[in-house]
């Protein structure tokens, strides 16, 4: 479920909430006796691709999910080269660092400055 940043136009408070895409407006949090509005923010997640089941060469077991793959590899004493200890975390930090900096600049900006920055922040 996506995270949305909500902003109160009356008092300026902000909060992040998990809501489904179809309920992002109808289930917005309430502040100052009114529903809060959605504020644009950079996205830091990734969408997992399709996973096809396969037979593990080391164990002969059918693998049908990434979690199962990690468990089987761990029991066999093997390491998935693409997801070696911490490598995916470091790659993700490097990928989102520019977005976080841009988002921080957006939140500190005046409304006129924010209008020029908003198109650069992915929805």
N, C-alpha and C. Protein backbone atom coordinates (compact mmCIF):
# COMPACT_ATOMS: atom_id res chain seq x y z
N UNK A 1 0.83 -1.17 0.00
CA UNK A 1 0.00 0.00 0.00
C UNK A 1 0.89 1.24 0.00
N UNK A 2 0.58 2.24 -0.82
CA UNK A 2 1.41 3.44 -0.89
C UNK A 2 1.29 4.32 0.35
N UNK A 3 2.33 5.10 0.58
CA UNK A 3 2.33 6.08 1.66
C UNK A 3 2.04 7.44 1.04
N UNK A 4 1.15 8.18 1.66
CA UNK A 4 0.81 9.51 1.18
C UNK A 4 1.14 10.54 2.25
N UNK A 5 1.64 11.70 1.83
CA UNK A 5 1.92 12.80 2.73
C UNK A 5 0.71 13.72 2.70
N UNK A 6 0.07 13.90 3.85
CA UNK A 6 -1.10 14.76 3.95
C UNK A 6 -0.73 16.06 4.64
N UNK A 7 -1.35 17.16 4.20
CA UNK A 7 -1.05 18.50 4.70
C UNK A 7 -2.35 19.21 5.08
N UNK A 8 -2.35 19.84 6.26
CA UNK A 8 -3.52 20.61 6.70
C UNK A 8 -3.35 22.06 6.23
N UNK A 9 -4.28 22.55 5.40
CA UNK A 9 -4.16 23.92 4.91
C UNK A 9 -4.42 24.97 6.00
N UNK A 10 -5.04 24.56 7.11
CA UNK A 10 -5.37 25.52 8.17
C UNK A 10 -4.21 25.75 9.13
N UNK A 11 -3.61 24.67 9.66
CA UNK A 11 -2.55 24.82 10.66
C UNK A 11 -1.17 24.46 10.13
N UNK A 12 -1.10 23.85 8.94
CA UNK A 12 0.19 23.53 8.33
C UNK A 12 0.80 22.21 8.77
N UNK A 13 0.12 21.45 9.64
CA UNK A 13 0.70 20.19 10.09
C UNK A 13 0.68 19.16 8.95
N UNK A 14 1.63 18.20 9.02
CA UNK A 14 1.73 17.17 8.01
C UNK A 14 1.83 15.80 8.68
N UNK A 15 1.35 14.79 7.98
CA UNK A 15 1.43 13.42 8.46
C UNK A 15 1.49 12.47 7.27
N UNK A 16 2.18 11.33 7.45
CA UNK A 16 2.22 10.30 6.42
C UNK A 16 1.26 9.19 6.82
N UNK A 17 0.51 8.69 5.85
CA UNK A 17 -0.47 7.63 6.10
C UNK A 17 -0.40 6.61 4.98
N UNK A 18 -0.66 5.34 5.32
CA UNK A 18 -0.81 4.28 4.34
C UNK A 18 -2.27 4.23 3.92
N UNK A 19 -2.52 4.31 2.62
CA UNK A 19 -3.86 4.19 2.08
C UNK A 19 -3.78 3.52 0.72
N UNK A 20 -4.82 2.81 0.34
CA UNK A 20 -4.84 2.26 -1.00
C UNK A 20 -5.02 3.41 -1.98
N UNK A 21 -4.67 3.18 -3.22
CA UNK A 21 -4.78 4.24 -4.23
C UNK A 21 -6.21 4.71 -4.36
N UNK A 22 -7.16 3.79 -4.34
CA UNK A 22 -8.56 4.17 -4.50
C UNK A 22 -9.12 4.91 -3.29
N UNK A 23 -8.47 4.78 -2.13
CA UNK A 23 -8.98 5.43 -0.91
C UNK A 23 -8.12 6.59 -0.44
N UNK A 24 -7.17 7.04 -1.27
CA UNK A 24 -6.25 8.08 -0.82
C UNK A 24 -6.94 9.40 -0.50
N UNK A 25 -8.06 9.69 -1.16
CA UNK A 25 -8.78 10.93 -0.88
C UNK A 25 -9.90 10.72 0.14
N UNK A 26 -10.61 9.60 0.03
CA UNK A 26 -11.76 9.36 0.91
C UNK A 26 -11.37 9.00 2.33
N UNK A 27 -10.16 8.44 2.53
CA UNK A 27 -9.72 8.05 3.87
C UNK A 27 -8.57 8.93 4.37
N UNK A 28 -8.54 10.18 3.91
CA UNK A 28 -7.50 11.11 4.35
C UNK A 28 -7.71 11.44 5.83
N UNK A 29 -6.61 11.68 6.57
CA UNK A 29 -6.76 12.02 7.99
C UNK A 29 -7.46 13.38 8.16
N UNK A 30 -8.01 13.57 9.33
CA UNK A 30 -8.74 14.81 9.64
C UNK A 30 -7.90 15.67 10.57
N UNK A 31 -7.86 16.96 10.29
CA UNK A 31 -7.15 17.93 11.13
C UNK A 31 -7.95 19.24 11.05
N UNK A 32 -8.07 19.91 12.16
CA UNK A 32 -8.81 21.18 12.21
C UNK A 32 -10.24 21.00 11.68
N UNK A 33 -10.86 19.87 12.01
CA UNK A 33 -12.24 19.53 11.62
C UNK A 33 -12.46 19.43 10.11
N UNK A 34 -11.41 19.13 9.35
CA UNK A 34 -11.54 18.94 7.91
C UNK A 34 -10.52 17.90 7.44
N UNK A 35 -10.84 17.25 6.30
CA UNK A 35 -9.89 16.28 5.75
C UNK A 35 -8.65 17.01 5.24
N UNK A 36 -7.50 16.40 5.48
CA UNK A 36 -6.24 16.97 5.02
C UNK A 36 -6.07 16.70 3.52
N UNK A 37 -5.30 17.54 2.84
CA UNK A 37 -5.04 17.38 1.42
C UNK A 37 -3.74 16.63 1.19
N UNK A 38 -3.60 16.02 0.02
CA UNK A 38 -2.39 15.29 -0.32
C UNK A 38 -1.34 16.26 -0.83
N UNK A 39 -0.10 16.08 -0.35
CA UNK A 39 1.01 16.91 -0.79
C UNK A 39 1.97 16.03 -1.59
N UNK A 40 2.50 16.53 -2.71
CA UNK A 40 3.42 15.70 -3.50
C UNK A 40 4.69 15.39 -2.73
N UNK A 41 5.21 14.19 -2.94
CA UNK A 41 6.47 13.80 -2.31
C UNK A 41 7.19 12.81 -3.20
N UNK A 42 8.49 12.71 -3.02
CA UNK A 42 9.29 11.78 -3.80
C UNK A 42 8.97 10.35 -3.37
N UNK A 43 9.01 9.44 -4.33
CA UNK A 43 8.77 8.03 -4.04
C UNK A 43 10.10 7.34 -3.82
N UNK A 44 10.20 6.55 -2.73
CA UNK A 44 11.46 5.89 -2.41
C UNK A 44 11.40 4.39 -2.59
N UNK A 45 10.27 3.84 -2.94
CA UNK A 45 10.14 2.39 -3.04
C UNK A 45 10.44 1.89 -4.43
N UNK A 46 10.26 0.61 -4.61
CA UNK A 46 10.39 0.00 -5.92
C UNK A 46 9.29 -1.03 -6.09
N UNK A 47 8.96 -1.31 -7.31
CA UNK A 47 7.92 -2.27 -7.61
C UNK A 47 8.58 -3.59 -7.98
N UNK A 48 8.23 -4.63 -7.27
CA UNK A 48 8.80 -5.94 -7.54
C UNK A 48 8.25 -6.49 -8.85
N UNK A 49 9.10 -7.09 -9.61
CA UNK A 49 8.67 -7.66 -10.88
C UNK A 49 8.03 -9.02 -10.70
N UNK A 50 7.60 -9.60 -11.80
CA UNK A 50 6.96 -10.91 -11.79
C UNK A 50 7.99 -11.96 -11.39
N UNK A 51 7.57 -12.96 -10.64
CA UNK A 51 8.47 -14.01 -10.16
C UNK A 51 7.99 -15.34 -10.70
N UNK A 52 8.81 -15.98 -11.54
CA UNK A 52 8.47 -17.29 -12.08
C UNK A 52 9.11 -18.38 -11.22
N UNK A 53 8.33 -19.41 -10.91
CA UNK A 53 8.85 -20.53 -10.12
C UNK A 53 9.92 -21.28 -10.92
N UNK A 54 10.87 -21.85 -10.20
CA UNK A 54 11.92 -22.63 -10.83
C UNK A 54 12.40 -23.69 -9.85
N UNK A 55 13.15 -24.66 -10.36
CA UNK A 55 13.68 -25.73 -9.52
C UNK A 55 15.12 -25.38 -9.13
N UNK A 56 15.39 -25.34 -7.83
CA UNK A 56 16.72 -25.01 -7.31
C UNK A 56 17.70 -26.12 -7.68
N UNK A 57 18.82 -25.73 -8.29
CA UNK A 57 19.83 -26.70 -8.71
C UNK A 57 20.50 -27.34 -7.49
N UNK A 58 20.70 -26.55 -6.43
CA UNK A 58 21.41 -27.06 -5.24
C UNK A 58 20.58 -28.03 -4.42
N UNK A 59 19.27 -27.79 -4.32
CA UNK A 59 18.43 -28.61 -3.43
C UNK A 59 17.38 -29.44 -4.16
N UNK A 60 17.07 -29.09 -5.40
CA UNK A 60 16.02 -29.78 -6.14
C UNK A 60 14.62 -29.32 -5.77
N UNK A 61 14.52 -28.35 -4.86
CA UNK A 61 13.23 -27.84 -4.39
C UNK A 61 12.68 -26.80 -5.37
N UNK A 62 11.35 -26.78 -5.57
CA UNK A 62 10.72 -25.77 -6.42
C UNK A 62 10.62 -24.47 -5.62
N UNK A 63 11.14 -23.40 -6.18
CA UNK A 63 11.16 -22.08 -5.54
C UNK A 63 10.09 -21.22 -6.21
N UNK A 64 9.18 -20.66 -5.39
CA UNK A 64 8.09 -19.88 -5.97
C UNK A 64 8.03 -18.44 -5.45
N UNK A 65 8.96 -18.03 -4.58
CA UNK A 65 8.96 -16.64 -4.10
C UNK A 65 10.37 -16.24 -3.71
N UNK A 66 10.60 -14.93 -3.62
CA UNK A 66 11.93 -14.45 -3.22
C UNK A 66 12.23 -14.83 -1.77
N UNK A 67 11.21 -14.81 -0.93
CA UNK A 67 11.41 -15.20 0.47
C UNK A 67 11.84 -16.66 0.56
N UNK A 68 11.15 -17.52 -0.18
CA UNK A 68 11.49 -18.94 -0.18
C UNK A 68 12.91 -19.13 -0.72
N UNK A 69 13.28 -18.39 -1.76
CA UNK A 69 14.62 -18.46 -2.32
C UNK A 69 15.66 -18.12 -1.26
N UNK A 70 15.44 -17.04 -0.51
CA UNK A 70 16.38 -16.62 0.53
C UNK A 70 16.52 -17.69 1.61
N UNK A 71 15.38 -18.30 2.00
CA UNK A 71 15.41 -19.34 3.04
C UNK A 71 16.18 -20.57 2.57
N UNK A 72 15.92 -21.01 1.34
CA UNK A 72 16.58 -22.20 0.80
C UNK A 72 18.08 -21.94 0.64
N UNK A 73 18.44 -20.78 0.11
CA UNK A 73 19.85 -20.45 -0.05
C UNK A 73 20.54 -20.38 1.31
N UNK A 74 19.87 -19.80 2.30
CA UNK A 74 20.44 -19.70 3.64
C UNK A 74 20.68 -21.06 4.27
N UNK A 75 19.70 -21.97 4.14
CA UNK A 75 19.85 -23.32 4.70
C UNK A 75 20.98 -24.08 4.02
N UNK A 76 21.19 -23.80 2.72
CA UNK A 76 22.24 -24.48 1.96
C UNK A 76 23.60 -23.79 2.13
N UNK A 77 23.62 -22.67 2.88
CA UNK A 77 24.88 -21.95 3.09
C UNK A 77 25.32 -21.15 1.87
N UNK A 78 24.37 -20.80 1.01
CA UNK A 78 24.68 -20.05 -0.21
C UNK A 78 24.23 -18.59 -0.07
N UNK A 79 24.79 -17.72 -0.89
CA UNK A 79 24.43 -16.30 -0.89
C UNK A 79 24.00 -15.91 -2.29
N UNK A 80 22.89 -15.21 -2.40
CA UNK A 80 22.42 -14.70 -3.68
C UNK A 80 23.32 -13.53 -4.07
N UNK A 81 24.02 -13.64 -5.17
CA UNK A 81 25.01 -12.64 -5.57
C UNK A 81 24.39 -11.26 -5.74
N UNK A 82 23.18 -11.17 -6.26
CA UNK A 82 22.55 -9.87 -6.47
C UNK A 82 22.13 -9.21 -5.16
N UNK A 83 21.84 -10.01 -4.15
CA UNK A 83 21.36 -9.47 -2.87
C UNK A 83 22.36 -9.77 -1.76
N UNK A 84 23.65 -9.68 -2.09
CA UNK A 84 24.69 -9.92 -1.09
C UNK A 84 24.50 -8.95 0.07
N UNK A 85 24.96 -9.35 1.22
CA UNK A 85 24.71 -8.63 2.46
C UNK A 85 24.82 -7.12 2.29
N UNK A 86 23.68 -6.43 2.38
CA UNK A 86 23.63 -4.97 2.38
C UNK A 86 23.78 -4.29 1.04
N UNK A 87 24.11 -5.02 -0.03
CA UNK A 87 24.36 -4.35 -1.30
C UNK A 87 23.13 -3.65 -1.84
N UNK A 88 21.96 -4.27 -1.71
CA UNK A 88 20.74 -3.64 -2.21
C UNK A 88 20.39 -2.39 -1.40
N UNK A 89 20.71 -2.39 -0.13
CA UNK A 89 20.43 -1.22 0.72
C UNK A 89 21.28 -0.04 0.27
N UNK A 90 22.55 -0.29 0.02
CA UNK A 90 23.45 0.79 -0.42
C UNK A 90 23.04 1.33 -1.79
N UNK A 91 22.66 0.45 -2.71
CA UNK A 91 22.21 0.90 -4.03
C UNK A 91 20.97 1.78 -3.90
N UNK A 92 20.04 1.38 -3.04
CA UNK A 92 18.81 2.15 -2.87
C UNK A 92 19.11 3.51 -2.23
N UNK A 93 20.01 3.57 -1.26
CA UNK A 93 20.38 4.85 -0.63
C UNK A 93 20.96 5.81 -1.67
N UNK A 94 21.84 5.30 -2.54
CA UNK A 94 22.43 6.15 -3.57
C UNK A 94 21.38 6.62 -4.56
N UNK A 95 20.40 5.76 -4.85
CA UNK A 95 19.36 6.13 -5.82
C UNK A 95 18.45 7.23 -5.29
N UNK A 96 18.10 7.17 -4.01
CA UNK A 96 17.11 8.12 -3.48
C UNK A 96 17.73 9.38 -2.88
N UNK A 97 19.05 9.41 -2.68
CA UNK A 97 19.68 10.59 -2.06
C UNK A 97 19.34 11.89 -2.78
N UNK A 98 19.43 11.95 -4.13
CA UNK A 98 19.08 13.20 -4.80
C UNK A 98 17.61 13.57 -4.63
N UNK A 99 16.73 12.56 -4.59
CA UNK A 99 15.30 12.82 -4.41
C UNK A 99 15.02 13.38 -3.02
N UNK A 100 15.69 12.83 -2.00
CA UNK A 100 15.50 13.31 -0.63
C UNK A 100 15.96 14.76 -0.51
N UNK A 101 17.10 15.08 -1.14
CA UNK A 101 17.61 16.45 -1.09
C UNK A 101 16.64 17.41 -1.77
N UNK A 102 16.10 17.01 -2.91
CA UNK A 102 15.14 17.85 -3.63
C UNK A 102 13.86 18.03 -2.81
N UNK A 103 13.41 16.96 -2.18
CA UNK A 103 12.20 17.05 -1.36
C UNK A 103 12.42 17.97 -0.16
N UNK A 104 13.59 17.89 0.47
CA UNK A 104 13.89 18.77 1.60
C UNK A 104 13.91 20.22 1.15
N UNK A 105 14.48 20.48 -0.02
CA UNK A 105 14.52 21.83 -0.56
C UNK A 105 13.10 22.33 -0.84
N UNK A 106 12.25 21.45 -1.35
CA UNK A 106 10.85 21.79 -1.66
C UNK A 106 10.11 22.23 -0.40
N UNK A 107 10.31 21.49 0.71
CA UNK A 107 9.59 21.80 1.94
C UNK A 107 10.08 23.07 2.62
N UNK A 108 11.31 23.50 2.33
CA UNK A 108 11.85 24.73 2.91
C UNK A 108 11.54 25.95 2.03
N UNK A 109 11.12 25.72 0.81
CA UNK A 109 10.93 26.79 -0.17
C UNK A 109 9.68 27.60 0.08
N UNK A 110 9.70 28.83 -0.42
CA UNK A 110 8.50 29.66 -0.43
C UNK A 110 7.55 29.06 -1.46
N UNK A 111 6.26 29.43 -1.46
CA UNK A 111 5.34 28.87 -2.45
C UNK A 111 5.80 29.10 -3.90
N UNK A 112 6.38 30.26 -4.19
CA UNK A 112 6.84 30.54 -5.57
C UNK A 112 8.01 29.63 -5.92
N UNK A 113 8.95 29.43 -5.00
CA UNK A 113 10.09 28.55 -5.25
C UNK A 113 9.63 27.10 -5.35
N UNK A 114 8.68 26.71 -4.53
CA UNK A 114 8.17 25.34 -4.54
C UNK A 114 7.53 25.00 -5.89
N UNK A 115 6.87 25.99 -6.49
CA UNK A 115 6.22 25.76 -7.78
C UNK A 115 7.25 25.40 -8.86
N UNK A 116 8.46 25.94 -8.76
CA UNK A 116 9.49 25.62 -9.75
C UNK A 116 10.13 24.27 -9.47
N UNK A 117 10.10 23.81 -8.19
CA UNK A 117 10.70 22.54 -7.83
C UNK A 117 9.75 21.36 -8.02
N UNK A 118 8.46 21.58 -7.87
CA UNK A 118 7.47 20.50 -7.88
C UNK A 118 7.54 19.61 -9.12
N UNK A 119 7.72 20.15 -10.35
CA UNK A 119 7.77 19.27 -11.51
C UNK A 119 8.94 18.27 -11.47
N UNK A 120 10.01 18.57 -10.75
CA UNK A 120 11.17 17.68 -10.68
C UNK A 120 10.99 16.54 -9.70
N UNK A 121 9.98 16.63 -8.82
CA UNK A 121 9.75 15.59 -7.83
C UNK A 121 8.77 14.58 -8.41
N UNK A 122 9.17 13.30 -8.54
CA UNK A 122 8.26 12.30 -9.09
C UNK A 122 7.05 12.07 -8.19
N UNK A 123 5.92 11.84 -8.80
CA UNK A 123 4.69 11.62 -8.03
C UNK A 123 4.62 10.21 -7.52
